[in-house]
Protein backbone atom coordinates (compact mmCIF):
# COMPACT_ATOMS: atom_id res chain seq x y z
CA UNK A 1 94.84 0.24 201.13
CA UNK A 2 94.19 1.53 197.59
CA UNK A 3 96.46 3.83 195.66
CA UNK A 4 98.91 3.77 192.80
CA UNK A 5 102.17 2.02 193.54
CA UNK A 6 101.14 0.50 196.86
CA UNK A 7 101.63 -2.97 195.48
CA UNK A 8 105.29 -2.13 196.04
CA UNK A 9 104.70 -1.91 199.80
CA UNK A 10 105.03 -4.52 202.59
CA UNK A 11 101.91 -6.41 203.64
CA UNK A 12 100.30 -6.80 207.07
CA UNK A 13 102.45 -9.79 207.98
CA UNK A 14 105.61 -7.76 207.32
CA UNK A 15 104.28 -4.89 209.43
CA UNK A 16 103.64 -7.34 212.27
CA UNK A 17 107.27 -8.48 212.05
CA UNK A 18 108.42 -4.87 212.34
CA UNK A 19 106.38 -4.39 215.52
CA UNK A 20 107.64 -7.64 217.03
CA UNK A 21 111.25 -6.61 216.36
CA UNK A 22 110.73 -3.05 217.67
CA UNK A 23 108.83 -3.94 220.85
CA UNK A 24 109.40 -7.60 221.67
CA UNK A 25 105.61 -7.91 221.90
CA UNK A 26 103.41 -10.29 219.97
CA UNK A 27 101.39 -8.03 217.66
CA UNK A 28 97.63 -8.32 217.58
CA UNK A 29 95.35 -6.80 214.98
CA UNK A 30 97.11 -5.05 212.10
CA UNK A 31 94.99 -2.63 210.08
CA UNK A 32 95.75 0.05 207.49
CA UNK A 33 95.30 3.66 208.62
CA UNK A 34 95.82 5.44 205.33
CA UNK A 35 98.21 6.93 202.85
CA UNK A 36 99.99 10.28 202.99
CA UNK A 37 102.21 11.99 200.46
CA UNK A 38 105.38 10.08 201.40
CA UNK A 39 104.22 7.28 203.73
CA UNK A 40 101.58 4.69 204.38
CA UNK A 41 100.46 4.14 207.96
CA UNK A 42 99.31 1.02 209.79
CA UNK A 43 97.78 0.63 213.25
CA UNK A 44 98.92 -2.34 215.31
CA UNK A 45 97.94 -3.65 218.71
CA UNK A 46 100.99 -4.63 220.76
CA UNK A 47 100.58 -5.62 224.37
CA UNK A 48 98.58 -2.94 226.12
CA UNK A 49 99.22 -0.16 223.64
CA UNK A 50 98.26 0.83 220.13
CA UNK A 51 101.09 1.65 217.79
CA UNK A 52 101.41 3.29 214.41
CA UNK A 53 103.88 2.03 211.82
CA UNK A 54 104.90 4.47 209.09
CA UNK A 55 106.54 3.05 205.98
CA UNK A 56 108.06 5.25 203.28
CA UNK A 57 106.53 4.94 199.82
CA UNK A 58 109.23 4.49 197.17
CA UNK A 59 109.45 7.43 194.74
CA UNK A 60 108.05 5.34 191.89
CA UNK A 61 104.90 4.74 193.93
CA UNK A 62 104.11 8.43 194.44
CA UNK A 63 102.51 11.12 192.36
CA UNK A 64 104.94 13.10 190.22
CA UNK A 65 104.85 16.31 192.34
CA UNK A 66 106.03 14.42 195.44
CA UNK A 67 108.59 11.96 194.15
CA UNK A 68 111.49 13.93 195.60
CA UNK A 69 109.81 14.75 198.94
CA UNK A 70 111.64 13.18 201.89
CA UNK A 71 109.78 11.08 204.45
CA UNK A 72 112.64 11.63 206.93
CA UNK A 73 111.46 8.90 209.30
CA UNK A 74 114.85 8.66 211.02
CA UNK A 75 114.95 12.44 211.49
CA UNK A 76 111.42 12.36 212.93
CA UNK A 77 112.55 9.65 215.34
CA UNK A 78 115.51 11.79 216.46
CA UNK A 79 113.29 14.81 217.15
CA UNK A 80 110.62 12.81 218.99
CA UNK A 81 113.25 11.19 221.19
CA UNK A 82 115.01 14.49 221.90
CA UNK A 83 111.78 16.23 222.91
CA UNK A 84 110.64 13.43 225.19
CA UNK A 85 114.09 13.24 226.79
CA UNK A 86 113.60 16.84 227.91
CA UNK A 87 109.94 16.43 228.82
CA UNK A 88 108.50 12.88 228.99
CA UNK A 89 105.01 14.41 228.79
CA UNK A 90 105.77 16.43 225.63
CA UNK A 91 102.78 16.14 223.26
CA UNK A 92 104.53 14.25 220.51
CA UNK A 93 104.01 10.51 220.04
CA UNK A 94 106.61 8.33 221.71
CA UNK A 95 108.89 7.02 218.95
CA UNK A 96 109.70 3.39 219.73
CA UNK A 97 112.12 2.57 216.91
CA UNK A 98 113.02 3.30 213.31
CA UNK A 99 114.79 1.37 210.60
CA UNK A 100 117.91 3.54 210.90
CA UNK A 101 118.37 2.67 214.59
CA UNK A 102 117.17 -0.96 214.60
CA UNK A 103 119.71 -3.74 215.16
CA UNK A 104 117.78 -5.95 212.74
CA UNK A 105 115.48 -4.79 209.97
CA UNK A 106 112.59 -7.18 209.32
CA UNK A 107 112.01 -5.43 205.98
CA UNK A 108 115.54 -6.15 204.81
CA UNK A 109 116.40 -2.50 204.16
CA UNK A 110 113.91 -2.21 201.30
CA UNK A 111 111.77 0.43 203.03
CA UNK A 112 112.46 2.94 205.79
CA UNK A 113 110.01 2.74 208.69
CA UNK A 114 109.15 4.19 212.09
CA UNK A 115 107.17 2.68 214.98
CA UNK A 116 105.51 5.15 217.34
CA UNK A 117 102.60 5.45 219.71
CA UNK A 118 99.28 5.83 217.92
CA UNK A 119 97.96 9.37 218.45
CA UNK A 120 94.30 10.28 218.54
CA UNK A 121 92.26 13.46 218.82
CA UNK A 122 90.47 16.09 216.77
CA UNK A 123 92.21 18.74 214.65
CA UNK A 124 92.89 22.03 216.40
CA UNK A 125 90.34 24.84 216.23
CA UNK A 126 92.44 27.64 217.69
CA UNK A 127 89.45 29.89 218.44
CA UNK A 128 87.81 27.13 220.54
CA UNK A 129 90.91 25.80 222.28
CA UNK A 130 93.03 28.64 223.75
CA UNK A 131 94.61 26.27 226.29
CA UNK A 132 95.74 24.01 223.46
CA UNK A 133 97.31 27.00 221.73
CA UNK A 134 99.28 27.72 224.90
CA UNK A 135 100.34 24.07 225.06
CA UNK A 136 101.62 24.41 221.51
CA UNK A 137 103.53 27.56 222.37
CA UNK A 138 105.38 25.75 225.14
CA UNK A 139 106.13 22.78 222.89
CA UNK A 140 107.50 25.02 220.14
CA UNK A 141 109.82 26.67 222.67
CA UNK A 142 111.21 23.20 223.51
CA UNK A 143 111.49 22.24 219.85
CA UNK A 144 113.32 25.42 218.90
CA UNK A 145 115.82 24.93 221.73
CA UNK A 146 116.91 21.42 220.67
CA UNK A 147 120.60 21.04 219.78
CA UNK A 148 121.26 20.88 216.05
CA UNK A 149 123.93 21.23 213.40
CA UNK A 150 123.83 22.89 209.98
CA UNK A 151 120.83 24.60 208.38
CA UNK A 152 117.75 23.76 206.40
CA UNK A 153 115.99 20.49 205.59
CA UNK A 154 117.28 17.68 207.78
CA UNK A 155 119.54 14.79 206.98
CA UNK A 156 117.58 11.58 207.52
CA UNK A 157 119.48 10.16 210.46
CA UNK A 158 118.52 9.05 213.95
CA UNK A 159 121.71 9.91 215.85
CA UNK A 160 121.81 13.70 215.40
CA UNK A 161 119.57 16.53 214.21
CA UNK A 162 121.49 18.05 211.32
CA UNK A 163 120.48 20.33 208.48
CA UNK A 164 121.76 19.46 205.01
CA UNK A 165 122.83 23.01 204.06
CA UNK A 166 126.02 24.84 204.97
CA UNK A 167 124.59 28.38 205.01
CA UNK A 168 121.34 29.91 206.35
CA UNK A 169 120.27 31.05 202.88
CA UNK A 170 120.83 27.63 201.35
CA UNK A 171 118.97 26.18 204.33
CA UNK A 172 115.85 28.17 203.54
CA UNK A 173 115.95 27.14 199.90
CA UNK A 174 116.45 23.48 200.84
CA UNK A 175 113.04 23.64 202.54
CA UNK A 176 111.26 25.94 200.04
CA UNK A 177 112.99 25.91 196.65
CA UNK A 178 111.31 29.11 195.44
CA UNK A 179 111.12 31.55 198.34
CA UNK A 180 111.25 35.27 197.64
CA UNK A 181 113.46 37.20 198.37
CA UNK A 182 115.92 34.47 199.40
CA UNK A 183 116.05 32.83 195.97
CA UNK A 184 117.48 35.97 194.35
CA UNK A 185 114.59 36.61 191.95
CA UNK A 186 113.38 40.15 191.36
CA UNK A 187 109.93 40.78 192.78
CA UNK A 188 108.62 41.35 189.25
CA UNK A 189 109.23 37.65 188.53
CA UNK A 190 106.87 36.62 191.32
CA UNK A 191 103.20 35.88 190.42
CA UNK A 192 101.99 38.13 193.23
CA UNK A 193 102.73 41.12 191.02
CA UNK A 194 100.17 39.81 188.54
CA UNK A 195 97.55 38.88 191.13
CA UNK A 196 97.94 41.83 193.53
CA UNK A 197 99.96 44.59 191.82
CA UNK A 198 98.96 47.13 194.46
CA UNK A 199 101.12 45.28 197.02
CA UNK A 200 104.34 45.48 195.01
CA UNK A 201 105.57 48.73 196.56
CA UNK A 202 105.26 47.58 200.17
CA UNK A 203 106.77 44.20 199.31
CA UNK A 204 109.73 45.87 197.66
CA UNK A 205 110.32 47.92 200.81
CA UNK A 206 110.48 44.70 202.84
CA UNK A 207 113.12 43.01 200.69
CA UNK A 208 116.17 44.19 202.65
CA UNK A 209 114.63 43.62 206.11
CA UNK A 210 113.70 40.08 205.08
CA UNK A 211 117.21 39.29 203.85
CA UNK A 212 118.45 39.85 207.42
CA UNK A 213 117.05 36.42 208.25
CA UNK A 214 120.03 34.88 206.43
CA UNK A 215 122.52 36.67 208.69
CA UNK A 216 124.39 34.91 211.49
CA UNK A 217 122.51 36.96 214.11
CA UNK A 218 119.11 35.52 213.12
CA UNK A 219 117.62 33.20 215.75
CA UNK A 220 117.31 29.76 214.16
CA UNK A 221 116.23 26.40 215.52
CA UNK A 222 114.61 23.11 214.66
CA UNK A 223 111.16 24.00 213.28
CA UNK A 224 108.15 21.91 212.31
CA UNK A 225 107.40 24.35 209.40
CA UNK A 226 103.88 23.06 208.60
CA UNK A 227 101.51 23.63 211.53
CA UNK A 228 98.17 23.25 209.83
CA UNK A 229 95.26 21.97 211.87
CA UNK A 230 95.40 18.26 210.96
CA UNK A 231 98.94 18.12 212.36
CA UNK A 232 97.73 19.36 215.78
CA UNK A 233 95.46 16.97 217.67
CA UNK A 234 93.29 17.96 220.61
CA UNK A 235 91.91 15.62 223.26
CA UNK A 236 90.10 16.56 226.50
CA UNK A 237 90.86 20.23 225.98
CA UNK A 238 94.65 19.83 225.76
CA UNK A 239 97.21 19.36 223.00
CA UNK A 240 97.39 15.59 222.54
CA UNK A 241 99.94 15.34 219.74
CA UNK A 242 101.88 17.28 217.15
CA UNK A 243 102.22 15.09 214.07
CA UNK A 244 104.33 14.82 210.92
CA UNK A 245 107.77 16.26 211.45
CA UNK A 246 108.80 15.08 207.99
CA UNK A 247 109.29 18.68 206.82
CA UNK A 248 111.21 19.77 209.93
CA UNK A 249 114.11 22.09 209.14
CA UNK A 250 116.67 24.33 210.82
CA UNK A 251 115.36 27.79 209.90
CA UNK A 252 114.54 31.04 211.71
CA UNK A 253 112.25 30.10 214.59
CA UNK A 254 109.65 32.67 213.60
CA UNK A 255 108.80 30.53 210.55
CA UNK A 256 106.91 28.21 212.91
CA UNK A 257 105.14 31.15 214.52
CA UNK A 258 104.27 32.43 211.05
CA UNK A 259 103.06 28.98 209.99
CA UNK A 260 100.71 28.92 212.99
CA UNK A 261 99.53 32.45 212.17
CA UNK A 262 98.83 31.54 208.54
CA UNK A 263 96.57 28.61 209.41
CA UNK A 264 95.08 29.67 212.75
CA UNK A 265 95.25 33.43 213.38
CA UNK A 266 95.01 35.44 210.17
CA UNK A 267 91.47 36.89 209.84
CA UNK A 268 90.58 35.51 213.27
CA UNK A 269 91.38 38.65 215.21
CA UNK A 270 94.97 37.50 215.86
CA UNK A 271 94.00 36.41 219.39
CA UNK A 272 95.30 32.86 218.85
CA UNK A 273 98.70 34.26 217.85
CA UNK A 274 98.83 36.41 221.00
CA UNK A 275 98.05 33.34 223.14
CA UNK A 276 100.73 31.30 221.37
CA UNK A 277 103.36 34.01 221.81
CA UNK A 278 102.59 34.47 225.52
CA UNK A 279 103.24 30.79 226.17
CA UNK A 280 106.20 30.62 223.78
CA UNK A 281 108.12 33.59 225.17
CA UNK A 282 107.35 34.83 228.72
CA UNK A 283 109.76 37.80 228.47
CA UNK A 284 107.81 40.78 227.14
CA UNK A 285 110.65 42.42 225.20
CA UNK A 286 111.63 39.19 223.45
CA UNK A 287 107.98 38.38 222.81
CA UNK A 288 107.62 41.69 220.95
CA UNK A 289 110.69 40.81 218.88
CA UNK A 290 109.21 37.43 217.97
CA UNK A 291 105.87 39.02 217.11
CA UNK A 292 107.56 41.42 214.70
CA UNK A 293 109.46 38.53 213.10
CA UNK A 294 106.25 36.52 212.84
CA UNK A 295 104.48 39.13 210.73
CA UNK A 296 107.49 39.55 208.46
CA UNK A 297 107.89 35.83 207.85
CA UNK A 298 104.13 35.47 207.49
CA UNK A 299 104.52 37.68 204.43
CA UNK A 300 107.19 35.29 203.11
CA UNK A 301 104.98 32.25 203.71
CA UNK A 302 101.95 33.90 202.14
CA UNK A 303 104.05 34.67 199.06
CA UNK A 304 105.16 31.05 198.94
CA UNK A 305 101.50 29.98 199.03
CA UNK A 306 100.63 32.47 196.27
CA UNK A 307 103.28 30.88 194.09
CA UNK A 308 102.27 27.33 195.00
CA UNK A 309 98.56 27.84 194.34
CA UNK A 310 99.22 29.78 191.15
CA UNK A 311 101.12 26.75 189.86
CA UNK A 312 98.46 24.28 191.00
CA UNK A 313 95.56 26.35 189.69
CA UNK A 314 93.77 26.22 193.07
CA UNK A 315 91.84 29.50 192.83
CA UNK A 316 90.27 29.28 196.30
CA UNK A 317 93.57 28.74 198.09
CA UNK A 318 95.25 31.38 195.96
CA UNK A 319 92.60 33.89 197.02
CA UNK A 320 93.12 32.88 200.66
CA UNK A 321 96.88 33.39 200.38
CA UNK A 322 96.44 36.85 198.88
CA UNK A 323 93.98 37.74 201.64
CA UNK A 324 96.48 36.67 204.33
CA UNK A 325 99.18 38.66 202.56
CA UNK A 326 97.00 41.78 202.48
CA UNK A 327 96.37 41.47 206.19
CA UNK A 328 99.95 40.66 207.22
CA UNK A 329 101.86 43.10 205.02
CA UNK A 330 100.89 46.35 206.79
CA UNK A 331 101.77 44.75 210.13
CA UNK A 332 105.14 43.59 208.82
CA UNK A 333 105.98 47.00 207.32
CA UNK A 334 104.87 48.83 210.46
CA UNK A 335 107.10 46.66 212.65
CA UNK A 336 110.14 47.42 210.53
CA UNK A 337 109.60 51.17 210.57
């Protein structure tokens, strides 16, 4: 498994010991799956099932932009277990064990790890898989209803789902450090004014409505926050698995709906968003409320992407973010009128 810093990581024999401890089964073939931003993944045969083992990469083994990113493997374990306790068929991989909950740690506490069922499928194409979109809507409703404490990015613990922040505003900034208007910056300090100055007036009008999402009345819940297509696997025409809850946070629930809209509905006729909302919220009046919130927070997410891709110099993704913003902004303004 190539990559800088991976000589710091456990080898296949150590991964086999983790699986034996977690399952009581004699592990079979152990093979590397790949490397993500915060973790490396291994596939292991154990009895009659295939498992995945995620191991956190130490900060010194990561690229500079991601050294402070949390893997949150214990928090992922807590969410997986909570969802499957409510619905054993929930399309998230069964989480077997994690280092934070294990009685004995075969890795000696040097690395955090999680053992879960190995998921398979193809990334979601929302225009081809409307039933999968409805499956996702139902899963998000379950996720957003899970019990939690606090706000924002999660503490990495397996016994409770708890945000690290003590206020809703701090919670948002614990997930996205620079997030207009919640970070207090004037709009003129945001790069969108340079890239799309014609949008400044409408964005300024939205500032006060957006700040309402930090009020106690805002509907918050445990959110995935990053629903791009590779995190949503499809098999046999149904949602097989939602992956990578490492960025889960307690934030307004419409951030997840906006995340789906950014990746799957903007410039696609918005039909996938309508299908998601129908499954997510069967009550028409509340569905209309969530739709309005979705467009407003889609503006916030598009602005975050504008800032991110300005910093990275990714011109193609920057152009995409501005295009989403142009499409979402009139809908967000209209719904606040």
